[in-house]
All heavy atoms as atom14 arrays in JSON, in Angstrom:
{
  "sequence": "GAVTSGTYAALKGTNTATAGETSGVRGESGSPSGTGVHGEAGA",
  "atom14_mask": [
    [1, 1, 1, 1, 0, 0, 0, 0, 0, 0, 0, 0, 0, 0],
    [1, 1, 1, 1, 1, 0, 0, 0, 0, 0, 0, 0, 0, 0],
    [1, 1, 1, 1, 1, 1, 1, 0, 0, 0, 0, 0, 0, 0],
    [1, 1, 1, 1, 1, 1, 1, 0, 0, 0, 0, 0, 0, 0],
    [1, 1, 1, 1, 1, 1, 0, 0, 0, 0, 0, 0, 0, 0],
    [1, 1, 1, 1, 0, 0, 0, 0, 0, 0, 0, 0, 0, 0],
    [1, 1, 1, 1, 1, 1, 1, 0, 0, 0, 0, 0, 0, 0],
    [1, 1, 1, 1, 1, 1, 1, 1, 1, 1, 1, 1, 0, 0],
    [1, 1, 1, 1, 1, 0, 0, 0, 0, 0, 0, 0, 0, 0],
    [1, 1, 1, 1, 1, 0, 0, 0, 0, 0, 0, 0, 0, 0],
    [1, 1, 1, 1, 1, 1, 1, 1, 0, 0, 0, 0, 0, 0],
    [1, 1, 1, 1, 1, 1, 1, 1, 1, 0, 0, 0, 0, 0],
    [1, 1, 1, 1, 0, 0, 0, 0, 0, 0, 0, 0, 0, 0],
    [1, 1, 1, 1, 1, 1, 1, 0, 0, 0, 0, 0, 0, 0],
    [1, 1, 1, 1, 1, 1, 1, 1, 0, 0, 0, 0, 0, 0],
    [1, 1, 1, 1, 1, 1, 1, 0, 0, 0, 0, 0, 0, 0],
    [1, 1, 1, 1, 1, 0, 0, 0, 0, 0, 0, 0, 0, 0],
    [1, 1, 1, 1, 1, 1, 1, 0, 0, 0, 0, 0, 0, 0],
    [1, 1, 1, 1, 1, 0, 0, 0, 0, 0, 0, 0, 0, 0],
    [1, 1, 1, 1, 0, 0, 0, 0, 0, 0, 0, 0, 0, 0],
    [1, 1, 1, 1, 1, 1, 1, 1, 1, 0, 0, 0, 0, 0],
    [1, 1, 1, 1, 1, 1, 1, 0, 0, 0, 0, 0, 0, 0],
    [1, 1, 1, 1, 1, 1, 0, 0, 0, 0, 0, 0, 0, 0],
    [1, 1, 1, 1, 0, 0, 0, 0, 0, 0, 0, 0, 0, 0],
    [1, 1, 1, 1, 1, 1, 1, 0, 0, 0, 0, 0, 0, 0],
    [1, 1, 1, 1, 1, 1, 1, 1, 1, 1, 1, 0, 0, 0],
    [1, 1, 1, 1, 0, 0, 0, 0, 0, 0, 0, 0, 0, 0],
    [1, 1, 1, 1, 1, 1, 1, 1, 1, 0, 0, 0, 0, 0],
    [1, 1, 1, 1, 1, 1, 0, 0, 0, 0, 0, 0, 0, 0],
    [1, 1, 1, 1, 0, 0, 0, 0, 0, 0, 0, 0, 0, 0],
    [1, 1, 1, 1, 1, 1, 0, 0, 0, 0, 0, 0, 0, 0],
    [1, 1, 1, 1, 1, 1, 1, 0, 0, 0, 0, 0, 0, 0],
    [1, 1, 1, 1, 1, 1, 0, 0, 0, 0, 0, 0, 0, 0],
    [1, 1, 1, 1, 0, 0, 0, 0, 0, 0, 0, 0, 0, 0],
    [1, 1, 1, 1, 1, 1, 1, 0, 0, 0, 0, 0, 0, 0],
    [1, 1, 1, 1, 0, 0, 0, 0, 0, 0, 0, 0, 0, 0],
    [1, 1, 1, 1, 1, 1, 1, 0, 0, 0, 0, 0, 0, 0],
    [1, 1, 1, 1, 1, 1, 1, 1, 1, 1, 0, 0, 0, 0],
    [1, 1, 1, 1, 0, 0, 0, 0, 0, 0, 0, 0, 0, 0],
    [1, 1, 1, 1, 1, 1, 1, 1, 1, 0, 0, 0, 0, 0],
    [1, 1, 1, 1, 1, 0, 0, 0, 0, 0, 0, 0, 0, 0],
    [1, 1, 1, 1, 0, 0, 0, 0, 0, 0, 0, 0, 0, 0],
    [1, 1, 1, 1, 1, 0, 0, 0, 0, 0, 0, 0, 0, 0]
  ],
  "atom14_positions": [
    [[8.43, -5.1, 7.01], [8.6, -6.56, 6.84], [9.42, -6.86, 5.66], [9.35, -6.18, 4.62], [0.0, 0.0, 0.0], [0.0, 0.0, 0.0], [0.0, 0.0, 0.0], [0.0, 0.0, 0.0], [0.0, 0.0, 0.0], [0.0, 0.0, 0.0], [0.0, 0.0, 0.0], [0.0, 0.0, 0.0], [0.0, 0.0, 0.0], [0.0, 0.0, 0.0]],
    [[10.16, -8.02, 5.7], [10.99, -8.4, 4.55], [10.16, -9.3, 3.73], [9.49, -10.18, 4.21], [12.29, -8.99, 5.05], [0.0, 0.0, 0.0], [0.0, 0.0, 0.0], [0.0, 0.0, 0.0], [0.0, 0.0, 0.0], [0.0, 0.0, 0.0], [0.0, 0.0, 0.0], [0.0, 0.0, 0.0], [0.0, 0.0, 0.0], [0.0, 0.0, 0.0]],
    [[10.32, -9.11, 2.37], [9.69, -10.07, 1.38], [10.76, -11.14, 1.17], [11.81, -10.79, 0.73], [9.27, -9.39, 0.14], [8.74, -10.41, -0.87], [8.18, -8.36, 0.49], [0.0, 0.0, 0.0], [0.0, 0.0, 0.0], [0.0, 0.0, 0.0], [0.0, 0.0, 0.0], [0.0, 0.0, 0.0], [0.0, 0.0, 0.0], [0.0, 0.0, 0.0]],
    [[10.46, -12.41, 1.38], [11.34, -13.55, 1.16], [10.78, -14.42, 0.1], [9.64, -14.27, -0.31], [11.64, -14.3, 2.41], [10.44, -14.84, 2.96], [12.33, -13.38, 3.48], [0.0, 0.0, 0.0], [0.0, 0.0, 0.0], [0.0, 0.0, 0.0], [0.0, 0.0, 0.0], [0.0, 0.0, 0.0], [0.0, 0.0, 0.0], [0.0, 0.0, 0.0]],
    [[11.51, -15.37, -0.34], [11.12, -16.34, -1.35], [9.69, -16.95, -0.93], [9.6, -17.34, 0.25], [12.15, -17.4, -1.54], [11.68, -18.41, -2.52], [0.0, 0.0, 0.0], [0.0, 0.0, 0.0], [0.0, 0.0, 0.0], [0.0, 0.0, 0.0], [0.0, 0.0, 0.0], [0.0, 0.0, 0.0], [0.0, 0.0, 0.0], [0.0, 0.0, 0.0]],
    [[8.76, -16.91, -1.78], [7.5, -17.63, -1.51], [6.43, -16.56, -1.01], [5.31, -16.93, -0.78], [0.0, 0.0, 0.0], [0.0, 0.0, 0.0], [0.0, 0.0, 0.0], [0.0, 0.0, 0.0], [0.0, 0.0, 0.0], [0.0, 0.0, 0.0], [0.0, 0.0, 0.0], [0.0, 0.0, 0.0], [0.0, 0.0, 0.0], [0.0, 0.0, 0.0]],
    [[6.81, -15.34, -0.79], [5.88, -14.32, -0.35], [5.85, -13.29, -1.43], [6.73, -13.14, -2.28], [6.33, -13.68, 1.01], [7.52, -13.04, 0.8], [6.39, -14.78, 2.05], [0.0, 0.0, 0.0], [0.0, 0.0, 0.0], [0.0, 0.0, 0.0], [0.0, 0.0, 0.0], [0.0, 0.0, 0.0], [0.0, 0.0, 0.0], [0.0, 0.0, 0.0]],
    [[4.82, -12.39, -1.33], [4.66, -11.48, -2.41], [4.45, -10.04, -1.85], [4.41, -9.06, -2.74], [3.6, -11.79, -3.26], [2.21, -11.89, -2.78], [1.36, -10.82, -2.72], [1.73, -13.08, -2.22], [0.08, -10.91, -2.23], [0.52, -13.17, -1.65], [-0.31, -11.97, -1.64], [-1.53, -12.1, -1.13], [0.0, 0.0, 0.0], [0.0, 0.0, 0.0]],
    [[4.32, -9.75, -0.62], [4.03, -8.44, -0.06], [4.59, -8.33, 1.33], [4.4, -9.16, 2.16], [2.57, -8.12, -0.12], [0.0, 0.0, 0.0], [0.0, 0.0, 0.0], [0.0, 0.0, 0.0], [0.0, 0.0, 0.0], [0.0, 0.0, 0.0], [0.0, 0.0, 0.0], [0.0, 0.0, 0.0], [0.0, 0.0, 0.0], [0.0, 0.0, 0.0]],
    [[5.28, -7.13, 1.51], [5.64, -6.84, 2.92], [4.55, -6.18, 3.64], [4.4, -6.23, 4.8], [6.93, -5.9, 2.82], [0.0, 0.0, 0.0], [0.0, 0.0, 0.0], [0.0, 0.0, 0.0], [0.0, 0.0, 0.0], [0.0, 0.0, 0.0], [0.0, 0.0, 0.0], [0.0, 0.0, 0.0], [0.0, 0.0, 0.0], [0.0, 0.0, 0.0]],
    [[3.65, -5.48, 2.89], [2.48, -4.85, 3.47], [1.32, -5.12, 2.45], [1.48, -4.84, 1.33], [2.74, -3.4, 3.57], [1.52, -2.63, 4.16], [1.19, -3.02, 5.51], [1.85, -1.08, 4.16], [0.0, 0.0, 0.0], [0.0, 0.0, 0.0], [0.0, 0.0, 0.0], [0.0, 0.0, 0.0], [0.0, 0.0, 0.0], [0.0, 0.0, 0.0]],
    [[0.29, -5.7, 3.01], [-0.95, -5.95, 2.17], [-2.17, -5.54, 2.81], [-2.31, -5.81, 4.03], [-0.89, -7.5, 1.86], [-2.09, -8.0, 1.08], [-2.21, -9.49, 1.02], [-3.47, -9.78, 0.26], [-3.65, -11.29, 0.25], [0.0, 0.0, 0.0], [0.0, 0.0, 0.0], [0.0, 0.0, 0.0], [0.0, 0.0, 0.0], [0.0, 0.0, 0.0]],
    [[-3.04, -5.03, 2.05], [-4.33, -4.66, 2.52], [-5.37, -5.24, 1.68], [-5.25, -5.1, 0.43], [0.0, 0.0, 0.0], [0.0, 0.0, 0.0], [0.0, 0.0, 0.0], [0.0, 0.0, 0.0], [0.0, 0.0, 0.0], [0.0, 0.0, 0.0], [0.0, 0.0, 0.0], [0.0, 0.0, 0.0], [0.0, 0.0, 0.0], [0.0, 0.0, 0.0]],
    [[-6.48, -5.87, 2.17], [-7.45, -6.51, 1.39], [-8.78, -5.87, 1.67], [-9.17, -5.68, 2.8], [-7.52, -8.05, 1.62], [-6.29, -8.7, 1.47], [-8.59, -8.7, 0.8], [0.0, 0.0, 0.0], [0.0, 0.0, 0.0], [0.0, 0.0, 0.0], [0.0, 0.0, 0.0], [0.0, 0.0, 0.0], [0.0, 0.0, 0.0], [0.0, 0.0, 0.0]],
    [[-9.49, -5.45, 0.6], [-10.72, -4.85, 0.7], [-11.82, -5.7, 0.03], [-11.66, -5.93, -1.05], [-10.71, -3.45, 0.01], [-11.98, -2.71, 0.16], [-12.94, -3.26, 0.69], [-12.06, -1.5, -0.34], [0.0, 0.0, 0.0], [0.0, 0.0, 0.0], [0.0, 0.0, 0.0], [0.0, 0.0, 0.0], [0.0, 0.0, 0.0], [0.0, 0.0, 0.0]],
    [[-12.7, -6.12, 0.85], [-13.72, -7.06, 0.31], [-15.11, -6.33, 0.16], [-16.07, -7.04, -0.15], [-13.98, -8.27, 1.2], [-14.29, -7.88, 2.49], [-12.67, -9.09, 1.25], [0.0, 0.0, 0.0], [0.0, 0.0, 0.0], [0.0, 0.0, 0.0], [0.0, 0.0, 0.0], [0.0, 0.0, 0.0], [0.0, 0.0, 0.0], [0.0, 0.0, 0.0]],
    [[-15.13, -5.07, 0.46], [-16.44, -4.3, 0.31], [-16.78, -4.27, -1.2], [-16.01, -4.16, -2.09], [-16.18, -2.84, 0.83], [0.0, 0.0, 0.0], [0.0, 0.0, 0.0], [0.0, 0.0, 0.0], [0.0, 0.0, 0.0], [0.0, 0.0, 0.0], [0.0, 0.0, 0.0], [0.0, 0.0, 0.0], [0.0, 0.0, 0.0], [0.0, 0.0, 0.0]],
    [[-18.12, -4.22, -1.49], [-18.65, -4.24, -2.78], [-19.26, -2.95, -3.13], [-19.69, -2.75, -4.31], [-19.71, -5.44, -3.04], [-20.79, -5.18, -2.04], [-18.99, -6.75, -2.82], [0.0, 0.0, 0.0], [0.0, 0.0, 0.0], [0.0, 0.0, 0.0], [0.0, 0.0, 0.0], [0.0, 0.0, 0.0], [0.0, 0.0, 0.0], [0.0, 0.0, 0.0]],
    [[-19.28, -1.97, -2.17], [-19.86, -0.67, -2.51], [-19.19, 0.39, -1.68], [-18.62, 0.08, -0.56], [-21.39, -0.66, -2.29], [0.0, 0.0, 0.0], [0.0, 0.0, 0.0], [0.0, 0.0, 0.0], [0.0, 0.0, 0.0], [0.0, 0.0, 0.0], [0.0, 0.0, 0.0], [0.0, 0.0, 0.0], [0.0, 0.0, 0.0], [0.0, 0.0, 0.0]],
    [[-19.37, 1.62, -2.0], [-18.78, 2.75, -1.16], [-17.34, 3.08, -1.58], [-16.75, 2.36, -2.35], [0.0, 0.0, 0.0], [0.0, 0.0, 0.0], [0.0, 0.0, 0.0], [0.0, 0.0, 0.0], [0.0, 0.0, 0.0], [0.0, 0.0, 0.0], [0.0, 0.0, 0.0], [0.0, 0.0, 0.0], [0.0, 0.0, 0.0], [0.0, 0.0, 0.0]],
    [[-16.93, 4.1, -1.02], [-15.55, 4.56, -1.19], [-14.58, 3.86, -0.18], [-14.6, 4.2, 1.04], [-15.42, 6.12, -0.97], [-14.03, 6.62, -1.34], [-13.92, 8.16, -1.17], [-14.89, 8.85, -1.45], [-12.86, 8.6, -0.79], [0.0, 0.0, 0.0], [0.0, 0.0, 0.0], [0.0, 0.0, 0.0], [0.0, 0.0, 0.0], [0.0, 0.0, 0.0]],
    [[-13.94, 2.9, -0.54], [-13.04, 2.06, 0.27], [-11.66, 1.86, -0.38], [-11.49, 2.02, -1.53], [-13.72, 0.73, 0.56], [-13.8, -0.02, -0.7], [-15.08, 0.87, 1.19], [0.0, 0.0, 0.0], [0.0, 0.0, 0.0], [0.0, 0.0, 0.0], [0.0, 0.0, 0.0], [0.0, 0.0, 0.0], [0.0, 0.0, 0.0], [0.0, 0.0, 0.0]],
    [[-10.72, 1.43, 0.47], [-9.35, 1.2, 0.08], [-8.74, 0.0, 0.69], [-9.06, -0.37, 1.87], [-8.45, 2.47, 0.39], [-8.89, 3.62, -0.18], [0.0, 0.0, 0.0], [0.0, 0.0, 0.0], [0.0, 0.0, 0.0], [0.0, 0.0, 0.0], [0.0, 0.0, 0.0], [0.0, 0.0, 0.0], [0.0, 0.0, 0.0], [0.0, 0.0, 0.0]],
    [[-7.99, -0.72, 0.02], [-7.32, -1.78, 0.59], [-6.11, -1.37, 1.37], [-5.92, -1.72, 2.48], [0.0, 0.0, 0.0], [0.0, 0.0, 0.0], [0.0, 0.0, 0.0], [0.0, 0.0, 0.0], [0.0, 0.0, 0.0], [0.0, 0.0, 0.0], [0.0, 0.0, 0.0], [0.0, 0.0, 0.0], [0.0, 0.0, 0.0], [0.0, 0.0, 0.0]],
    [[-5.35, -0.49, 0.8], [-4.23, 0.19, 1.44], [-4.33, 1.63, 1.05], [-4.45, 2.01, -0.19], [-2.85, -0.4, 1.01], [-1.73, 0.51, 1.59], [-2.72, -1.78, 1.38], [0.0, 0.0, 0.0], [0.0, 0.0, 0.0], [0.0, 0.0, 0.0], [0.0, 0.0, 0.0], [0.0, 0.0, 0.0], [0.0, 0.0, 0.0], [0.0, 0.0, 0.0]],
    [[-4.25, 2.52, 1.99], [-4.4, 3.94, 1.77], [-3.29, 4.72, 2.43], [-3.02, 4.43, 3.55], [-5.77, 4.43, 2.23], [-6.03, 5.92, 1.95], [-7.39, 6.27, 2.46], [-7.61, 7.67, 2.33], [-8.78, 8.22, 2.39], [-9.79, 7.57, 2.52], [-8.93, 9.49, 2.3], [0.0, 0.0, 0.0], [0.0, 0.0, 0.0], [0.0, 0.0, 0.0]],
    [[-2.78, 5.71, 1.75], [-1.73, 6.51, 2.35], [-2.14, 8.02, 2.09], [-2.62, 8.35, 0.99], [0.0, 0.0, 0.0], [0.0, 0.0, 0.0], [0.0, 0.0, 0.0], [0.0, 0.0, 0.0], [0.0, 0.0, 0.0], [0.0, 0.0, 0.0], [0.0, 0.0, 0.0], [0.0, 0.0, 0.0], [0.0, 0.0, 0.0], [0.0, 0.0, 0.0]],
    [[-1.92, 8.83, 3.06], [-2.18, 10.3, 2.88], [-1.01, 11.12, 3.45], [-0.31, 10.66, 4.33], [-3.52, 10.64, 3.6], [-4.72, 9.96, 3.26], [-5.95, 10.47, 4.05], [-5.83, 11.24, 4.87], [-7.02, 9.81, 3.78], [0.0, 0.0, 0.0], [0.0, 0.0, 0.0], [0.0, 0.0, 0.0], [0.0, 0.0, 0.0], [0.0, 0.0, 0.0]],
    [[-0.88, 12.24, 2.85], [0.18, 13.16, 3.34], [-0.4, 14.52, 3.3], [-1.03, 14.97, 2.35], [1.42, 13.09, 2.43], [2.37, 14.09, 2.88], [0.0, 0.0, 0.0], [0.0, 0.0, 0.0], [0.0, 0.0, 0.0], [0.0, 0.0, 0.0], [0.0, 0.0, 0.0], [0.0, 0.0, 0.0], [0.0, 0.0, 0.0], [0.0, 0.0, 0.0]],
    [[-0.25, 15.3, 4.42], [-0.71, 16.61, 4.53], [0.29, 17.6, 4.04], [0.06, 18.83, 3.94], [0.0, 0.0, 0.0], [0.0, 0.0, 0.0], [0.0, 0.0, 0.0], [0.0, 0.0, 0.0], [0.0, 0.0, 0.0], [0.0, 0.0, 0.0], [0.0, 0.0, 0.0], [0.0, 0.0, 0.0], [0.0, 0.0, 0.0], [0.0, 0.0, 0.0]],
    [[1.49, 17.14, 3.85], [2.63, 18.06, 3.44], [2.58, 18.33, 1.92], [2.37, 17.34, 1.14], [3.87, 17.36, 3.77], [5.08, 18.11, 3.17], [0.0, 0.0, 0.0], [0.0, 0.0, 0.0], [0.0, 0.0, 0.0], [0.0, 0.0, 0.0], [0.0, 0.0, 0.0], [0.0, 0.0, 0.0], [0.0, 0.0, 0.0], [0.0, 0.0, 0.0]],
    [[2.77, 19.47, 1.44], [2.78, 19.75, 0.01], [3.95, 19.03, -0.74], [3.83, 18.77, -1.97], [2.87, 21.27, -0.08], [3.38, 21.76, 1.15], [3.04, 20.76, 2.22], [0.0, 0.0, 0.0], [0.0, 0.0, 0.0], [0.0, 0.0, 0.0], [0.0, 0.0, 0.0], [0.0, 0.0, 0.0], [0.0, 0.0, 0.0], [0.0, 0.0, 0.0]],
    [[4.95, 18.65, -0.02], [6.0, 17.88, -0.68], [6.05, 16.47, -0.23], [7.0, 15.69, -0.52], [7.34, 18.59, -0.33], [7.65, 18.59, 1.05], [0.0, 0.0, 0.0], [0.0, 0.0, 0.0], [0.0, 0.0, 0.0], [0.0, 0.0, 0.0], [0.0, 0.0, 0.0], [0.0, 0.0, 0.0], [0.0, 0.0, 0.0], [0.0, 0.0, 0.0]],
    [[5.0, 16.03, 0.39], [5.04, 14.59, 0.94], [4.4, 13.63, -0.03], [3.86, 14.1, -1.12], [0.0, 0.0, 0.0], [0.0, 0.0, 0.0], [0.0, 0.0, 0.0], [0.0, 0.0, 0.0], [0.0, 0.0, 0.0], [0.0, 0.0, 0.0], [0.0, 0.0, 0.0], [0.0, 0.0, 0.0], [0.0, 0.0, 0.0], [0.0, 0.0, 0.0]],
    [[4.47, 12.38, 0.22], [3.89, 11.36, -0.54], [2.94, 10.52, 0.28], [3.32, 10.03, 1.34], [5.06, 10.45, -1.17], [5.98, 11.33, -1.93], [4.47, 9.38, -2.01], [0.0, 0.0, 0.0], [0.0, 0.0, 0.0], [0.0, 0.0, 0.0], [0.0, 0.0, 0.0], [0.0, 0.0, 0.0], [0.0, 0.0, 0.0], [0.0, 0.0, 0.0]],
    [[1.74, 10.35, -0.29], [0.71, 9.47, 0.5], [1.18, 7.95, 0.48], [1.13, 7.33, 1.45], [0.0, 0.0, 0.0], [0.0, 0.0, 0.0], [0.0, 0.0, 0.0], [0.0, 0.0, 0.0], [0.0, 0.0, 0.0], [0.0, 0.0, 0.0], [0.0, 0.0, 0.0], [0.0, 0.0, 0.0], [0.0, 0.0, 0.0], [0.0, 0.0, 0.0]],
    [[1.51, 7.48, -0.7], [1.95, 6.15, -0.9], [3.15, 6.18, -1.79], [3.18, 6.81, -2.79], [0.91, 5.22, -1.47], [1.37, 3.81, -1.75], [-0.41, 5.13, -0.6], [0.0, 0.0, 0.0], [0.0, 0.0, 0.0], [0.0, 0.0, 0.0], [0.0, 0.0, 0.0], [0.0, 0.0, 0.0], [0.0, 0.0, 0.0], [0.0, 0.0, 0.0]],
    [[4.23, 5.58, -1.39], [5.45, 5.59, -2.14], [5.91, 4.1, -2.29], [5.88, 3.39, -1.38], [6.57, 6.35, -1.33], [7.85, 6.42, -2.03], [8.14, 7.32, -2.99], [8.92, 5.52, -1.89], [9.44, 7.17, -3.39], [9.87, 6.14, -2.81], [0.0, 0.0, 0.0], [0.0, 0.0, 0.0], [0.0, 0.0, 0.0], [0.0, 0.0, 0.0]],
    [[6.35, 3.73, -3.49], [6.89, 2.42, -3.74], [8.14, 2.48, -4.52], [8.28, 3.31, -5.49], [0.0, 0.0, 0.0], [0.0, 0.0, 0.0], [0.0, 0.0, 0.0], [0.0, 0.0, 0.0], [0.0, 0.0, 0.0], [0.0, 0.0, 0.0], [0.0, 0.0, 0.0], [0.0, 0.0, 0.0], [0.0, 0.0, 0.0], [0.0, 0.0, 0.0]],
    [[9.03, 1.55, -4.36], [10.2, 1.55, -5.13], [10.5, 0.08, -5.54], [10.25, -0.78, -4.85], [11.48, 2.11, -4.33], [11.31, 3.55, -4.08], [12.59, 4.14, -3.5], [13.66, 3.53, -3.55], [12.47, 5.19, -2.78], [0.0, 0.0, 0.0], [0.0, 0.0, 0.0], [0.0, 0.0, 0.0], [0.0, 0.0, 0.0], [0.0, 0.0, 0.0]],
    [[11.13, -0.06, -6.69], [11.55, -1.37, -7.16], [12.99, -1.42, -7.44], [13.5, -0.53, -8.2], [10.71, -1.81, -8.35], [0.0, 0.0, 0.0], [0.0, 0.0, 0.0], [0.0, 0.0, 0.0], [0.0, 0.0, 0.0], [0.0, 0.0, 0.0], [0.0, 0.0, 0.0], [0.0, 0.0, 0.0], [0.0, 0.0, 0.0], [0.0, 0.0, 0.0]],
    [[13.66, -2.32, -7.02], [15.16, -2.47, -7.24], [15.58, -3.72, -7.88], [16.81, -3.96, -7.93], [0.0, 0.0, 0.0], [0.0, 0.0, 0.0], [0.0, 0.0, 0.0], [0.0, 0.0, 0.0], [0.0, 0.0, 0.0], [0.0, 0.0, 0.0], [0.0, 0.0, 0.0], [0.0, 0.0, 0.0], [0.0, 0.0, 0.0], [0.0, 0.0, 0.0]],
    [[14.73, -4.52, -8.33], [15.03, -5.76, -8.99], [15.77, -5.57, -10.2], [15.45, -4.57, -11.02], [13.86, -6.7, -9.24], [0.0, 0.0, 0.0], [0.0, 0.0, 0.0], [0.0, 0.0, 0.0], [0.0, 0.0, 0.0], [0.0, 0.0, 0.0], [0.0, 0.0, 0.0], [0.0, 0.0, 0.0], [0.0, 0.0, 0.0], [0.0, 0.0, 0.0]]
  ]
}
């Protein structure tokens, strides 16, 4: 998704749990050279 003026995330996950092992956004990679979550900034 494209982030345009007035928005702040192309992908958003919200976690409202108050206990336990939880994630809002989670990424995993089984590859030894992979990345579970990758982000870049070009501003």
